[in-house]
């Protein structure tokens, strides 16, 4: 049996993970003065955005 892919659940899960990761990045920035977590978070958002854009353009 084939299962359908639920796009709304996929994006909700990604949103929850994004909120958790930005919370960790902000905590590390303010409490430990470590900017690497924020850099990794921002580069992840950039690469995900580029990937989603390319998938939409190429179909």
N, C-alpha and C. Protein backbone atom coordinates (compact mmCIF):
# COMPACT_ATOMS: atom_id res chain seq x y z
N UNK A 1 0.84 -1.18 0.00
CA UNK A 1 0.00 0.00 0.00
C UNK A 1 0.89 1.25 0.00
N UNK A 2 0.58 2.17 -0.85
CA UNK A 2 1.32 3.42 -0.92
C UNK A 2 0.73 4.42 0.05
N UNK A 3 1.59 5.15 0.69
CA UNK A 3 1.14 6.18 1.62
C UNK A 3 1.32 7.54 0.98
N UNK A 4 0.39 8.42 1.22
CA UNK A 4 0.51 9.78 0.69
C UNK A 4 1.41 10.60 1.60
N UNK A 5 2.04 11.58 1.02
CA UNK A 5 2.96 12.44 1.77
C UNK A 5 2.19 13.65 2.27
N UNK A 6 2.19 13.86 3.57
CA UNK A 6 1.45 14.97 4.17
C UNK A 6 2.37 16.18 4.26
N UNK A 7 2.19 17.13 3.35
CA UNK A 7 3.06 18.30 3.33
C UNK A 7 2.85 19.21 4.53
N UNK A 8 1.64 19.31 5.03
CA UNK A 8 1.40 20.21 6.16
C UNK A 8 2.12 19.70 7.41
N UNK A 9 2.10 18.42 7.65
CA UNK A 9 2.83 17.87 8.80
C UNK A 9 4.32 18.02 8.64
N UNK A 10 4.80 17.92 7.42
CA UNK A 10 6.22 18.09 7.13
C UNK A 10 6.69 19.49 7.49
N UNK A 11 5.93 20.48 7.07
CA UNK A 11 6.32 21.86 7.33
C UNK A 11 6.12 22.25 8.79
N UNK A 12 5.11 21.67 9.45
CA UNK A 12 4.92 21.93 10.88
C UNK A 12 6.09 21.38 11.68
N UNK A 13 6.54 20.19 11.32
CA UNK A 13 7.68 19.59 12.01
C UNK A 13 8.93 20.42 11.80
N UNK A 14 9.15 20.89 10.59
CA UNK A 14 10.31 21.74 10.32
C UNK A 14 10.24 23.04 11.09
N UNK A 15 9.05 23.59 11.24
CA UNK A 15 8.88 24.83 12.00
C UNK A 15 9.21 24.61 13.48
N UNK A 16 8.75 23.51 14.04
CA UNK A 16 9.05 23.20 15.45
C UNK A 16 10.54 23.02 15.64
N UNK A 17 11.19 22.29 14.75
CA UNK A 17 12.64 22.10 14.87
C UNK A 17 13.40 23.41 14.69
N UNK A 18 12.89 24.30 13.83
CA UNK A 18 13.54 25.59 13.64
C UNK A 18 13.45 26.44 14.90
N UNK A 19 12.30 26.41 15.57
CA UNK A 19 12.14 27.18 16.81
C UNK A 19 13.06 26.64 17.90
N UNK A 20 13.16 25.32 18.00
CA UNK A 20 14.06 24.72 18.99
C UNK A 20 15.51 25.10 18.71
N UNK A 21 15.91 25.03 17.45
CA UNK A 21 17.30 25.32 17.11
C UNK A 21 17.64 26.80 17.29
N UNK A 22 16.71 27.71 17.00
CA UNK A 22 17.02 29.13 17.22
C UNK A 22 17.08 29.43 18.72
N UNK A 23 16.29 28.71 19.52
CA UNK A 23 16.37 28.87 20.97
C UNK A 23 17.73 28.45 21.49
N UNK A 24 18.23 27.33 21.01
CA UNK A 24 19.57 26.87 21.41
C UNK A 24 20.63 27.85 20.94
N UNK A 25 20.50 28.35 19.72
CA UNK A 25 21.49 29.29 19.19
C UNK A 25 21.51 30.59 19.99
N UNK A 26 20.35 31.09 20.35
CA UNK A 26 20.29 32.33 21.14
C UNK A 26 20.83 32.09 22.55
N UNK A 27 20.52 30.95 23.13
CA UNK A 27 21.05 30.62 24.46
C UNK A 27 22.57 30.58 24.44
N UNK A 28 23.14 29.91 23.45
CA UNK A 28 24.59 29.82 23.35
C UNK A 28 25.22 31.19 23.08
N UNK A 29 24.52 32.03 22.33
CA UNK A 29 25.06 33.36 22.03
C UNK A 29 25.09 34.24 23.28
N UNK A 30 24.02 34.25 24.04
CA UNK A 30 23.96 35.15 25.20
C UNK A 30 24.67 34.60 26.43
N UNK A 31 24.54 33.32 26.69
CA UNK A 31 25.10 32.78 27.93
C UNK A 31 26.55 32.33 27.80
N UNK A 32 26.93 31.86 26.64
CA UNK A 32 28.29 31.35 26.47
C UNK A 32 29.12 32.16 25.49
N UNK A 33 28.52 33.18 24.91
CA UNK A 33 29.21 34.05 23.93
C UNK A 33 29.79 33.26 22.76
N UNK A 34 29.05 32.25 22.33
CA UNK A 34 29.49 31.38 21.24
C UNK A 34 28.61 31.64 20.02
N UNK A 35 29.18 32.23 18.97
CA UNK A 35 28.42 32.61 17.78
C UNK A 35 28.32 31.48 16.76
N UNK A 36 29.04 30.39 16.97
CA UNK A 36 29.05 29.32 15.98
C UNK A 36 27.68 28.68 15.78
N UNK A 37 26.90 28.54 16.85
CA UNK A 37 25.58 27.94 16.73
C UNK A 37 24.66 28.81 15.87
N UNK A 38 24.75 30.12 16.05
CA UNK A 38 23.95 31.03 15.24
C UNK A 38 24.39 30.99 13.78
N UNK A 39 25.68 30.89 13.54
CA UNK A 39 26.20 30.79 12.18
C UNK A 39 25.71 29.50 11.50
N UNK A 40 25.74 28.40 12.22
CA UNK A 40 25.25 27.13 11.67
C UNK A 40 23.76 27.21 11.39
N UNK A 41 23.01 27.83 12.31
CA UNK A 41 21.57 28.00 12.13
C UNK A 41 21.26 28.82 10.88
N UNK A 42 21.93 29.95 10.72
CA UNK A 42 21.68 30.82 9.57
C UNK A 42 22.10 30.17 8.26
N UNK A 43 23.22 29.45 8.26
CA UNK A 43 23.64 28.78 7.02
C UNK A 43 22.68 27.64 6.69
N UNK A 44 22.14 26.98 7.69
CA UNK A 44 21.14 25.93 7.44
C UNK A 44 19.88 26.50 6.82
N UNK A 45 19.44 27.65 7.31
CA UNK A 45 18.26 28.30 6.73
C UNK A 45 18.54 28.72 5.29
N UNK A 46 19.72 29.26 5.05
CA UNK A 46 20.08 29.69 3.70
C UNK A 46 20.09 28.51 2.73
N UNK A 47 20.76 27.42 3.10
CA UNK A 47 20.85 26.27 2.21
C UNK A 47 19.49 25.59 2.01
N UNK A 48 18.67 25.57 3.05
CA UNK A 48 17.33 25.00 2.92
C UNK A 48 16.48 25.84 1.98
N UNK A 49 16.59 27.16 2.10
CA UNK A 49 15.83 28.06 1.23
C UNK A 49 16.26 27.89 -0.22
N UNK A 50 17.56 27.82 -0.45
CA UNK A 50 18.06 27.62 -1.81
C UNK A 50 17.58 26.28 -2.36
N UNK A 51 17.65 25.24 -1.54
CA UNK A 51 17.20 23.92 -1.98
C UNK A 51 15.72 23.89 -2.32
N UNK A 52 14.89 24.49 -1.48
CA UNK A 52 13.45 24.53 -1.75
C UNK A 52 13.16 25.34 -3.01
N UNK A 53 13.86 26.45 -3.19
CA UNK A 53 13.66 27.27 -4.38
C UNK A 53 14.03 26.50 -5.64
N UNK A 54 15.16 25.80 -5.61
CA UNK A 54 15.58 25.03 -6.78
C UNK A 54 14.62 23.88 -7.07
N UNK A 55 14.10 23.25 -6.03
CA UNK A 55 13.13 22.18 -6.24
C UNK A 55 11.84 22.71 -6.87
N UNK A 56 11.42 23.89 -6.47
CA UNK A 56 10.22 24.48 -7.07
C UNK A 56 10.46 24.89 -8.51
N UNK A 57 11.64 25.40 -8.80
CA UNK A 57 11.93 25.86 -10.17
C UNK A 57 12.11 24.70 -11.14
N UNK A 58 12.79 23.63 -10.67
CA UNK A 58 13.06 22.52 -11.57
C UNK A 58 11.95 21.48 -11.58
N UNK A 59 11.08 21.54 -10.62
CA UNK A 59 9.91 20.66 -10.58
C UNK A 59 10.26 19.34 -10.05
